[in-house]
Amino acid sequence: SKENIGVVYQADDFFRSGPIMTIFNGVVESAARLGYCVSIGSKINGRDASEIKIIEDRAVDGIVIVPPVEKNITDKIIHWKIPFVIANSAENSDYDSIMCDDENGAAQAIKFLLELGHKRIAHISYESIHKSVVIRRNIYKKYMTKNALKPKIILKRRDKALEADFIKLIKDYRPTAIFAYHDNIAWELYFICASLGIRIPDDLSIIGINDCENDLEVIPALSTV
């Protein structure tokens, strides 16, 4: 045993992505408890692939793949017979995968707000075609339509601040609640609301998904699934 676990990714926004960092932190914490180190194999902006090096050097006991990655990477891992698992796969896979139950999580979040009596519920998510983004958005629209309510969706670019779109949302839609795609978006809303004098939950209820550790550090603590 090399007592080393590899994490392979090719996403440019790896360290800026809340969902991906949640996975990565979980890998690091679990590996540490078992006495393992973690090595990162990455390919950013087309630069040469360190992810191939940790595979071909067989310097790891196993690999966690954070999609999306090119098929040739998976093929090389299989060729070198290194055990691997795909985390947060964007599609059904023939390989061992761990996936979030996005449908159930989103349904719990939106039903929680509906049961509180909210009718103007907005959804704020990322500009992305990732499966989890699409599923959570569609579940939101499904429950809003089912309850004869008008959906309102804001799609956030990862490199753009949310404040301007949020101010416009408050002015045009006047939401009483927001379902955030991820807790990272909810945290950003907390800071914006504080700067605008909007009280949570008196003026606006917010719920996210992912149950991140930092959820208890904001006041009031973030409601999350």
Protein backbone atom coordinates (compact mmCIF):
# COMPACT_ATOMS: atom_id res chain seq x y z
CA SER A 1 0.00 0.00 0.00
CA LYS A 2 1.26 3.48 -0.92
CA GLU A 3 -1.14 5.07 1.61
CA ASN A 4 -2.03 7.68 -0.98
CA ILE A 5 -5.37 8.51 -2.62
CA GLY A 6 -5.52 10.46 -5.87
CA VAL A 7 -8.12 13.06 -6.81
CA VAL A 8 -8.34 13.65 -10.56
CA TYR A 9 -10.14 16.62 -12.08
CA GLN A 10 -10.02 18.80 -15.18
CA ALA A 11 -12.41 21.62 -14.26
CA ASP A 12 -10.95 25.14 -14.45
CA ASP A 13 -13.10 26.27 -11.52
CA PHE A 14 -12.26 23.34 -9.23
CA PHE A 15 -11.22 25.44 -6.23
CA ARG A 16 -14.01 27.99 -6.79
CA SER A 17 -16.82 25.46 -7.01
CA GLY A 18 -18.71 24.91 -3.76
CA PRO A 19 -20.04 21.43 -4.62
CA ILE A 20 -16.65 20.23 -5.84
CA MET A 21 -14.81 21.61 -2.81
CA THR A 22 -17.32 19.85 -0.55
CA ILE A 23 -16.36 16.56 -2.23
CA PHE A 24 -12.64 17.33 -2.06
CA ASN A 25 -12.74 18.26 1.63
CA GLY A 26 -14.65 15.06 2.37
CA VAL A 27 -12.00 13.00 0.57
CA VAL A 28 -9.17 14.72 2.48
CA GLU A 29 -10.88 14.31 5.88
CA SER A 30 -11.78 10.65 5.30
CA ALA A 31 -8.31 9.82 3.98
CA ALA A 32 -6.66 11.46 6.98
CA ARG A 33 -8.77 9.39 9.40
CA LEU A 34 -7.54 6.25 7.66
CA GLY A 35 -3.91 7.36 7.60
CA TYR A 36 -3.80 8.20 3.89
CA CYS A 37 -2.45 11.26 2.08
CA VAL A 38 -4.19 12.86 -0.91
CA SER A 39 -2.54 13.74 -4.23
CA ILE A 40 -4.17 15.99 -6.83
CA GLY A 41 -3.95 15.33 -10.55
CA SER A 42 -5.20 18.25 -12.61
CA LYS A 43 -5.34 19.65 -16.10
CA ILE A 44 -6.10 23.36 -16.17
CA ASN A 45 -6.66 25.42 -19.33
CA GLY A 46 -5.17 22.68 -21.49
CA ARG A 47 -1.79 22.62 -19.74
CA ASP A 48 0.03 19.31 -19.55
CA ALA A 49 -1.70 16.71 -17.50
CA SER A 50 -0.44 15.98 -14.00
CA GLU A 51 -3.48 13.73 -13.66
CA ILE A 52 -1.88 11.36 -16.19
CA LYS A 53 1.39 11.34 -14.25
CA ILE A 54 -0.14 10.11 -10.98
CA ILE A 55 -1.92 7.42 -12.98
CA GLU A 56 1.04 6.20 -15.01
CA ASP A 57 3.40 6.37 -12.01
CA ARG A 58 0.86 4.28 -10.11
CA ALA A 59 1.67 6.43 -7.10
CA VAL A 60 -1.78 5.99 -5.54
CA ASP A 61 -3.81 3.13 -4.07
CA GLY A 62 -7.04 4.43 -5.56
CA ILE A 63 -8.51 7.44 -7.35
CA VAL A 64 -11.55 9.65 -6.87
CA ILE A 65 -12.59 11.15 -10.20
CA VAL A 66 -14.40 14.50 -10.05
CA PRO A 67 -16.17 14.90 -13.41
CA PRO A 68 -16.12 16.04 -16.05
CA VAL A 69 -12.92 14.34 -17.21
CA GLU A 70 -11.91 13.16 -20.67
CA LYS A 71 -12.60 9.52 -21.49
CA ASN A 72 -8.91 8.81 -22.11
CA ILE A 73 -8.22 9.54 -18.43
CA THR A 74 -10.70 6.90 -17.29
CA ASP A 75 -9.30 4.50 -19.90
CA LYS A 76 -5.77 4.96 -18.52
CA ILE A 77 -6.94 4.31 -14.95
CA ILE A 78 -8.63 1.11 -16.10
CA HIS A 79 -5.54 0.11 -18.09
CA TRP A 80 -3.29 0.44 -15.03
CA LYS A 81 -5.87 -1.42 -12.92
CA ILE A 82 -6.13 1.31 -10.30
CA PRO A 83 -9.36 1.16 -8.24
CA PHE A 84 -11.49 4.29 -8.77
CA VAL A 85 -14.85 5.84 -8.01
CA ILE A 86 -16.62 8.72 -9.74
CA ALA A 87 -17.93 11.38 -7.35
CA ASN A 88 -20.95 13.51 -8.21
CA SER A 89 -21.23 12.05 -11.70
CA ALA A 90 -23.09 14.24 -14.16
CA GLU A 91 -24.64 11.20 -15.85
CA ASN A 92 -25.39 7.55 -15.27
CA SER A 93 -22.18 5.55 -15.36
CA ASP A 94 -21.16 1.94 -15.81
CA TYR A 95 -18.50 2.50 -13.14
CA ASP A 96 -18.74 2.80 -9.36
CA SER A 97 -20.25 6.20 -8.67
CA ILE A 98 -21.48 8.28 -5.75
CA MET A 99 -24.27 10.69 -6.60
CA CYS A 100 -26.36 13.20 -4.69
CA ASP A 101 -30.11 12.53 -4.61
CA ASP A 102 -30.85 15.88 -6.25
CA GLU A 103 -34.54 15.20 -6.83
CA ASN A 104 -35.29 14.34 -3.23
CA GLY A 105 -33.10 17.12 -1.83
CA ALA A 106 -34.66 19.80 -4.02
CA ALA A 107 -38.15 18.50 -3.27
CA GLN A 108 -37.50 18.68 0.48
CA ALA A 109 -36.23 22.25 0.18
CA ILE A 110 -39.10 23.62 -1.89
CA LYS A 111 -41.79 21.73 0.09
CA PHE A 112 -40.35 23.17 3.30
CA LEU A 113 -40.84 26.71 1.97
CA LEU A 114 -44.32 25.94 0.64
CA GLU A 115 -45.38 24.48 3.99
CA LEU A 116 -44.30 27.75 5.64
CA GLY A 117 -46.84 29.49 3.43
CA HIS A 118 -44.48 31.12 0.93
CA LYS A 119 -45.88 31.83 -2.52
CA ARG A 120 -43.26 34.07 -4.13
CA ILE A 121 -40.29 31.69 -4.05
CA ALA A 122 -37.32 32.40 -6.30
CA HIS A 123 -34.61 29.95 -7.29
CA ILE A 124 -31.00 31.08 -7.70
CA SER A 125 -28.60 28.72 -9.41
CA TYR A 126 -25.54 28.67 -11.68
CA GLU A 127 -25.32 28.97 -15.45
CA SER A 128 -24.49 25.32 -16.02
CA ILE A 129 -25.79 22.22 -17.75
CA HIS A 130 -24.47 19.96 -14.97
CA LYS A 131 -27.04 17.30 -14.17
CA SER A 132 -27.53 18.37 -10.54
CA VAL A 133 -28.13 22.00 -11.56
CA VAL A 134 -30.76 20.98 -14.12
CA ILE A 135 -32.50 18.49 -11.81
CA ARG A 136 -32.81 20.93 -8.90
CA ARG A 137 -34.09 23.65 -11.21
CA ASN A 138 -36.67 21.33 -12.79
CA ILE A 139 -37.91 20.13 -9.39
CA TYR A 140 -38.33 23.75 -8.33
CA LYS A 141 -40.36 24.51 -11.46
CA LYS A 142 -42.41 21.33 -11.00
CA TYR A 143 -43.52 22.21 -7.47
CA MET A 144 -44.15 25.87 -8.29
CA THR A 145 -46.33 24.89 -11.27
CA LYS A 146 -48.07 22.18 -9.25
CA ASN A 147 -49.08 24.82 -6.70
CA ALA A 148 -50.15 27.34 -9.37
CA LEU A 149 -47.25 29.65 -8.49
CA LYS A 150 -45.06 31.66 -10.85
CA PRO A 151 -41.46 30.42 -10.98
CA LYS A 152 -38.64 32.97 -10.98
CA ILE A 153 -35.13 31.75 -11.71
CA ILE A 154 -31.86 33.67 -11.56
CA LEU A 155 -28.84 31.99 -13.18
CA LYS A 156 -25.54 33.19 -11.72
CA ARG A 157 -22.23 33.19 -13.54
CA ARG A 158 -19.45 31.91 -11.29
CA ASP A 159 -17.24 34.87 -12.16
CA LYS A 160 -19.92 37.49 -11.56
CA ALA A 161 -21.19 38.97 -8.29
CA LEU A 162 -24.83 38.27 -7.48
CA GLU A 163 -25.80 41.59 -5.90
CA ALA A 164 -27.07 43.44 -9.02
CA ASP A 165 -29.30 40.54 -10.11
CA PHE A 166 -30.53 40.09 -6.54
CA ILE A 167 -31.52 43.76 -6.19
CA LYS A 168 -33.44 43.52 -9.47
CA LEU A 169 -35.11 40.32 -8.25
CA ILE A 170 -36.24 42.00 -5.02
CA LYS A 171 -37.61 44.98 -6.95
CA ASP A 172 -39.40 43.08 -9.73
CA TYR A 173 -40.52 39.83 -8.09
CA ARG A 174 -40.54 40.71 -4.36
CA PRO A 175 -39.80 37.15 -3.19
CA THR A 176 -40.53 36.11 0.37
CA ALA A 177 -38.25 33.08 0.06
CA ILE A 178 -35.30 31.84 -1.99
CA PHE A 179 -34.27 28.28 -2.77
CA ALA A 180 -30.52 28.40 -3.46
CA TYR A 181 -28.96 25.69 -5.62
CA HIS A 182 -26.05 25.36 -3.20
CA ASP A 183 -25.18 26.65 0.26
CA ASN A 184 -22.41 28.80 -1.28
CA ILE A 185 -25.06 30.86 -3.07
CA ALA A 186 -27.06 31.11 0.15
CA TRP A 187 -24.01 32.45 2.02
CA GLU A 188 -23.55 35.13 -0.64
CA LEU A 189 -27.20 36.08 -0.22
CA TYR A 190 -26.69 36.44 3.55
CA PHE A 191 -23.96 39.03 3.02
CA ILE A 192 -25.98 40.91 0.40
CA CYS A 193 -29.06 40.97 2.62
CA ALA A 194 -27.00 42.31 5.53
CA SER A 195 -25.69 45.16 3.36
CA LEU A 196 -29.22 45.99 2.15
CA GLY A 197 -30.87 45.80 5.58
CA ILE A 198 -32.95 42.75 4.63
CA ARG A 199 -33.61 40.60 7.69
CA ILE A 200 -33.40 36.81 7.54
CA PRO A 201 -35.88 35.18 8.05
CA ASP A 202 -38.20 38.12 8.95
CA ASP A 203 -38.08 39.71 5.50
CA LEU A 204 -36.73 36.81 3.45
CA SER A 205 -36.39 33.07 4.04
CA ILE A 206 -33.43 31.26 2.46
CA ILE A 207 -32.75 27.55 2.12
CA GLY A 208 -29.84 25.80 0.44
CA ILE A 209 -28.60 22.30 -0.27
CA ASN A 210 -25.39 20.52 0.79
CA ASP A 211 -25.36 20.87 4.59
CA CYS A 212 -21.89 22.45 4.68
CA GLU A 213 -20.05 22.94 7.95
CA ASN A 214 -20.08 26.75 7.62
CA ASP A 215 -23.89 26.80 7.66
CA LEU A 216 -23.81 27.17 11.45
CA GLU A 217 -21.43 30.15 11.30
CA VAL A 218 -23.92 32.58 9.74
CA ILE A 219 -26.63 34.26 11.85
CA PRO A 220 -29.24 32.93 11.84
CA ALA A 221 -27.92 29.46 10.95
CA LEU A 222 -28.69 28.56 7.35
CA SER A 223 -31.57 26.21 6.66
CA THR A 224 -30.22 23.47 4.40
CA VAL A 225 -30.87 19.95 3.12
